[in-house]
Protein backbone atom coordinates (compact mmCIF):
# COMPACT_ATOMS: atom_id res chain seq x y z
CA GLN A 1 -62.11 78.74 -184.32
CA VAL A 2 -62.06 81.92 -186.42
CA PRO A 3 -61.57 84.82 -183.97
CA ASP A 4 -61.60 87.56 -186.63
CA SER A 5 -64.95 89.06 -187.59
CA PHE A 6 -66.42 88.49 -191.04
CA PRO A 7 -69.37 90.33 -192.61
CA PRO A 8 -72.44 88.41 -193.81
CA LEU A 9 -72.25 86.88 -197.27
CA ARG A 10 -73.93 88.80 -200.08
CA ASN A 11 -74.77 88.34 -203.78
CA GLU A 12 -72.14 86.51 -205.86
CA THR A 13 -69.92 85.99 -202.83
CA ALA A 14 -72.71 84.12 -201.05
CA VAL A 15 -73.22 81.85 -204.06
CA HIS A 16 -69.47 81.18 -204.36
CA VAL A 17 -68.96 80.44 -200.66
CA LEU A 18 -72.16 78.53 -199.84
CA ARG A 19 -72.86 76.45 -202.95
CA GLY A 20 -71.57 72.91 -203.36
CA ARG A 21 -70.74 69.84 -201.28
CA MET A 22 -69.62 70.17 -197.65
CA LYS A 23 -71.27 73.57 -197.28
CA GLY A 24 -73.55 74.90 -194.56
CA ILE A 25 -73.72 73.55 -191.01
CA GLN A 26 -72.97 69.86 -190.55
CA GLY A 27 -75.85 67.98 -188.96
CA HIS A 28 -75.39 65.56 -186.08
CA CYS A 29 -77.67 63.94 -183.49
CA ASN A 30 -80.94 65.80 -184.26
CA SER A 31 -79.29 69.21 -184.64
CA CYS A 32 -81.30 70.17 -187.76
CA TYR A 33 -83.59 72.63 -185.95
CA MET A 34 -80.60 74.54 -184.56
CA ASP A 35 -78.52 74.30 -187.77
CA ALA A 36 -81.33 75.77 -189.87
CA ALA A 37 -82.02 78.54 -187.35
CA LEU A 38 -78.36 79.57 -187.05
CA PHE A 39 -77.86 79.52 -190.81
CA SER A 40 -80.95 81.69 -191.35
CA LEU A 41 -80.01 84.20 -188.64
CA PHE A 42 -76.37 84.77 -189.53
CA SER A 43 -75.17 83.52 -192.94
CA CYS A 44 -76.41 86.40 -195.10
CA THR A 45 -77.65 89.08 -192.71
CA SER A 46 -76.15 91.23 -189.96
CA VAL A 47 -79.44 92.26 -188.32
CA LEU A 48 -78.71 90.11 -185.24
CA ASP A 49 -74.94 90.60 -185.07
CA SER A 50 -75.46 92.37 -181.74
CA MET A 51 -75.87 88.84 -180.35
CA LEU A 52 -72.23 88.23 -181.21
CA PHE A 53 -70.63 91.35 -179.78
CA LYS A 54 -72.84 93.40 -177.48
CA PRO A 55 -72.49 92.79 -173.70
CA PHE A 56 -76.17 92.46 -172.77
CA PRO A 57 -77.20 92.62 -169.08
CA LEU A 58 -77.43 88.82 -168.68
CA CYS A 59 -74.90 88.04 -171.39
CA ASP A 60 -72.91 84.81 -171.04
CA ARG A 61 -69.65 85.70 -172.79
CA ASN A 62 -68.61 82.07 -173.18
CA VAL A 63 -71.75 81.19 -175.17
CA GLN A 64 -71.36 84.42 -177.12
CA SER A 65 -67.76 83.60 -178.11
CA ILE A 66 -68.68 80.03 -179.15
CA LEU A 67 -71.50 81.38 -181.31
CA ARG A 68 -69.25 84.04 -182.88
CA ASP A 69 -65.87 82.29 -183.25
CA GLU A 70 -66.87 78.64 -183.78
CA ILE A 71 -70.08 79.00 -185.81
CA VAL A 72 -70.82 82.38 -187.41
CA ASN A 73 -67.30 83.42 -188.47
CA PRO A 74 -66.38 79.99 -189.98
CA LEU A 75 -69.74 79.95 -191.79
CA ARG A 76 -69.11 83.38 -193.29
CA LYS A 77 -65.45 82.70 -194.08
CA THR A 78 -65.54 79.18 -195.55
CA GLY A 79 -69.24 78.38 -195.83
CA PHE A 80 -68.89 75.35 -193.55
CA VAL A 81 -69.34 74.66 -189.83
CA ARG A 82 -68.47 71.27 -188.40
CA ALA A 83 -70.88 69.42 -186.13
CA ARG A 84 -68.44 69.53 -183.20
CA SER A 85 -68.80 73.32 -182.99
CA VAL A 86 -72.59 73.13 -182.82
CA MET A 87 -72.34 70.38 -180.22
CA HIS A 88 -70.09 72.66 -178.14
CA LEU A 89 -72.89 75.25 -178.21
CA ARG A 90 -75.52 72.61 -177.39
CA GLU A 91 -73.51 71.47 -174.37
CA GLN A 92 -73.41 75.03 -173.08
CA LEU A 93 -77.16 75.44 -173.65
CA THR A 94 -77.74 72.21 -171.75
CA GLU A 95 -75.71 73.51 -168.83
CA LYS A 96 -77.30 76.98 -168.79
CA GLY A 97 -80.82 75.81 -169.56
CA ARG A 98 -80.77 72.84 -167.19
CA CYS A 99 -82.20 70.65 -169.94
CA SER A 100 -80.19 67.57 -170.91
CA SER A 101 -82.10 66.95 -174.14
CA PHE A 102 -80.46 69.89 -175.95
CA THR A 103 -77.51 67.64 -176.84
CA ASN A 104 -79.43 64.71 -178.31
CA ALA A 105 -83.09 65.49 -179.07
CA GLU A 106 -84.86 67.50 -181.74
CA LYS A 107 -86.37 70.63 -180.21
CA ASP A 108 -88.65 73.37 -181.44
CA PRO A 109 -86.63 76.29 -182.88
CA GLU A 110 -88.64 78.70 -180.73
CA GLU A 111 -87.45 76.92 -177.58
CA PHE A 112 -83.84 77.30 -178.72
CA LEU A 113 -84.28 80.99 -179.61
CA ASN A 114 -86.01 81.80 -176.32
CA LEU A 115 -83.26 80.13 -174.32
CA ILE A 116 -80.28 81.72 -176.08
CA MET A 117 -81.83 85.18 -176.59
CA GLN A 118 -83.68 85.64 -173.32
CA GLN A 119 -82.03 83.53 -170.64
CA ILE A 120 -78.42 83.42 -171.86
CA LEU A 121 -77.89 86.72 -173.69
CA GLY A 122 -80.67 88.81 -172.16
CA ILE A 123 -81.93 90.40 -175.39
CA GLU A 124 -85.19 92.35 -175.35
CA PRO A 125 -88.06 90.63 -177.24
CA LEU A 126 -88.01 91.36 -180.98
CA LEU A 127 -91.77 91.27 -181.58
CA LYS A 128 -94.74 92.94 -179.91
CA LEU A 129 -98.10 91.41 -180.90
CA GLN A 130 -101.66 92.32 -179.98
CA SER A 131 -104.80 90.29 -180.52
CA GLY A 132 -108.05 91.89 -181.63
CA SER A 133 -109.45 94.55 -179.34
CA GLN A 134 -107.45 93.33 -176.34
CA GLU A 135 -105.09 95.88 -174.83
CA GLU A 136 -102.67 93.26 -173.53
CA GLN A 137 -99.68 92.74 -175.80
CA GLN A 138 -97.54 89.66 -176.23
CA ASP A 139 -93.74 89.97 -176.42
CA CYS A 140 -91.81 87.24 -178.21
CA TYR A 141 -88.65 86.51 -180.18
CA CYS A 142 -90.14 84.78 -183.21
CA TYR A 143 -93.52 84.14 -184.80
CA GLN A 144 -94.61 80.62 -185.65
CA ILE A 145 -97.18 80.34 -188.43
CA PHE A 146 -100.29 78.40 -187.43
CA MET A 147 -103.14 78.01 -189.89
CA ASP A 148 -105.76 75.59 -191.16
CA LYS A 149 -105.29 73.88 -194.50
CA GLN A 150 -106.12 76.29 -197.32
CA GLU A 151 -107.17 74.51 -200.52
CA ASP A 152 -106.36 77.56 -202.66
CA LEU A 153 -102.79 77.70 -201.32
CA VAL A 154 -100.95 74.90 -203.12
CA VAL A 155 -97.48 76.44 -203.33
CA PRO A 156 -97.71 79.56 -201.16
CA ASP A 157 -95.10 82.22 -200.52
CA VAL A 158 -94.14 83.54 -197.09
CA GLN A 159 -96.15 86.76 -197.57
CA GLN A 160 -99.38 84.77 -198.06
CA LEU A 161 -98.72 82.50 -195.08
CA VAL A 162 -97.99 85.37 -192.68
CA GLU A 163 -101.09 87.29 -193.78
CA HIS A 164 -103.34 84.21 -193.50
CA SER A 165 -101.97 83.39 -190.05
CA PHE A 166 -102.36 86.93 -188.70
CA LEU A 167 -105.91 87.10 -190.12
CA THR A 168 -106.89 83.70 -188.68
CA TYR A 169 -105.82 84.63 -185.15
CA ASP A 170 -106.75 88.34 -185.39
CA LEU A 171 -103.19 89.51 -184.66
CA LYS A 172 -101.45 92.83 -185.29
CA LEU A 173 -97.88 94.02 -184.87
CA VAL A 174 -97.81 96.79 -182.26
CA GLU A 175 -94.72 98.32 -183.91
CA ILE A 176 -92.36 97.69 -186.81
CA PRO A 177 -89.95 94.99 -185.60
CA SER A 178 -86.20 95.42 -185.93
CA CYS A 179 -86.07 91.75 -186.89
CA PHE A 180 -89.00 89.52 -187.89
CA ILE A 181 -88.12 85.84 -187.39
CA ILE A 182 -90.82 83.61 -188.87
CA GLN A 183 -91.10 79.85 -188.35
CA MET A 184 -92.81 78.05 -191.23
CA PRO A 185 -95.71 75.62 -190.63
CA ARG A 186 -94.65 72.00 -190.34
CA PHE A 187 -96.06 68.77 -188.97
CA GLY A 188 -93.16 66.38 -188.38
CA LYS A 189 -91.81 63.74 -190.72
CA GLU A 190 -95.08 62.14 -191.82
CA TYR A 191 -97.30 65.05 -192.88
CA LYS A 192 -96.35 68.34 -194.48
CA MET A 193 -99.03 70.98 -194.99
CA PHE A 194 -97.15 72.31 -198.04
CA SER A 195 -94.67 70.44 -200.19
CA LYS A 196 -92.94 73.72 -201.03
CA ILE A 197 -92.97 77.30 -199.73
CA ILE A 198 -91.60 80.11 -201.90
CA PRO A 199 -89.40 82.57 -199.95
CA SER A 200 -90.65 86.15 -200.20
CA LEU A 201 -87.54 88.28 -200.71
CA GLU A 202 -89.44 91.26 -199.31
CA LEU A 203 -92.23 91.20 -196.73
CA ASP A 204 -94.93 93.88 -196.76
CA ILE A 205 -96.24 94.30 -193.20
CA THR A 206 -98.35 97.42 -193.88
CA ASP A 207 -101.66 95.63 -193.26
CA LEU A 208 -100.26 93.78 -190.24
CA LEU A 209 -99.45 96.93 -188.24
CA LEU A 210 -101.75 98.11 -185.47
CA ASP A 211 -103.29 101.59 -186.03
CA SER A 212 -101.22 102.18 -189.16
CA PRO A 213 -102.73 104.69 -191.65
CA ARG A 214 -103.61 102.87 -194.87
CA GLU A 215 -105.17 103.72 -198.18
CA CYS A 216 -108.84 103.08 -198.89
CA CYS A 217 -109.08 100.55 -201.74
CA VAL A 218 -112.21 102.31 -203.08
CA CYS A 219 -111.46 106.05 -203.07
CA GLY A 220 -107.72 106.24 -202.33
CA ASP A 221 -108.09 108.45 -199.24
CA VAL A 222 -106.93 107.47 -195.77
CA ALA A 223 -109.03 104.49 -194.69
CA THR A 224 -111.32 104.78 -191.65
CA LEU A 225 -112.62 101.19 -191.64
CA GLU A 226 -110.92 97.83 -192.14
CA CYS A 227 -112.64 94.70 -193.42
CA SER A 228 -110.88 91.43 -192.69
């Protein structure tokens, strides 16, 4: 355990701490979905550090301390988290979520995020989505990209995938999210839709926002119509 708090890794420090053998989060017993999610959420960003410290209404302080002291702080300090620490968290999720498979089976990352953010910590949903002309909005913690195979997208970047997915399902963001967690498209071990996906270091969500003023591509004035 590392009880002291450490900031997220940045720039040259991140390269020095995270590169090499025995780095990252040690996998064990189908933990890859959780290892990848935890690494993405905490290794190099502080946007969700409230999960580690803030006493939310439903907050389970034991799970919070395991997440902070046994996983996030060791990852940021030494660049390595042993499998036993993740298993400790999985055991707690099994107990709180009443689902025995959290300790031995591969799960969908969204199921893990919903359990720990909503049921265990009590965090408000991070995303508000609306479909087409419907007034009803959908609250969620992450967005999973669904899309049909696009022949012109051989090696896409994240920006292209998000835009294609939102366009396909006629979705808009109701407001700018404080944190935009995106799950890439995947189809198990046998078939991968894309062999590689290029990370977009910045994500432009201008065209994904509902009722956001945008520039007309013809005259440059404020647009009054939008063509998909």
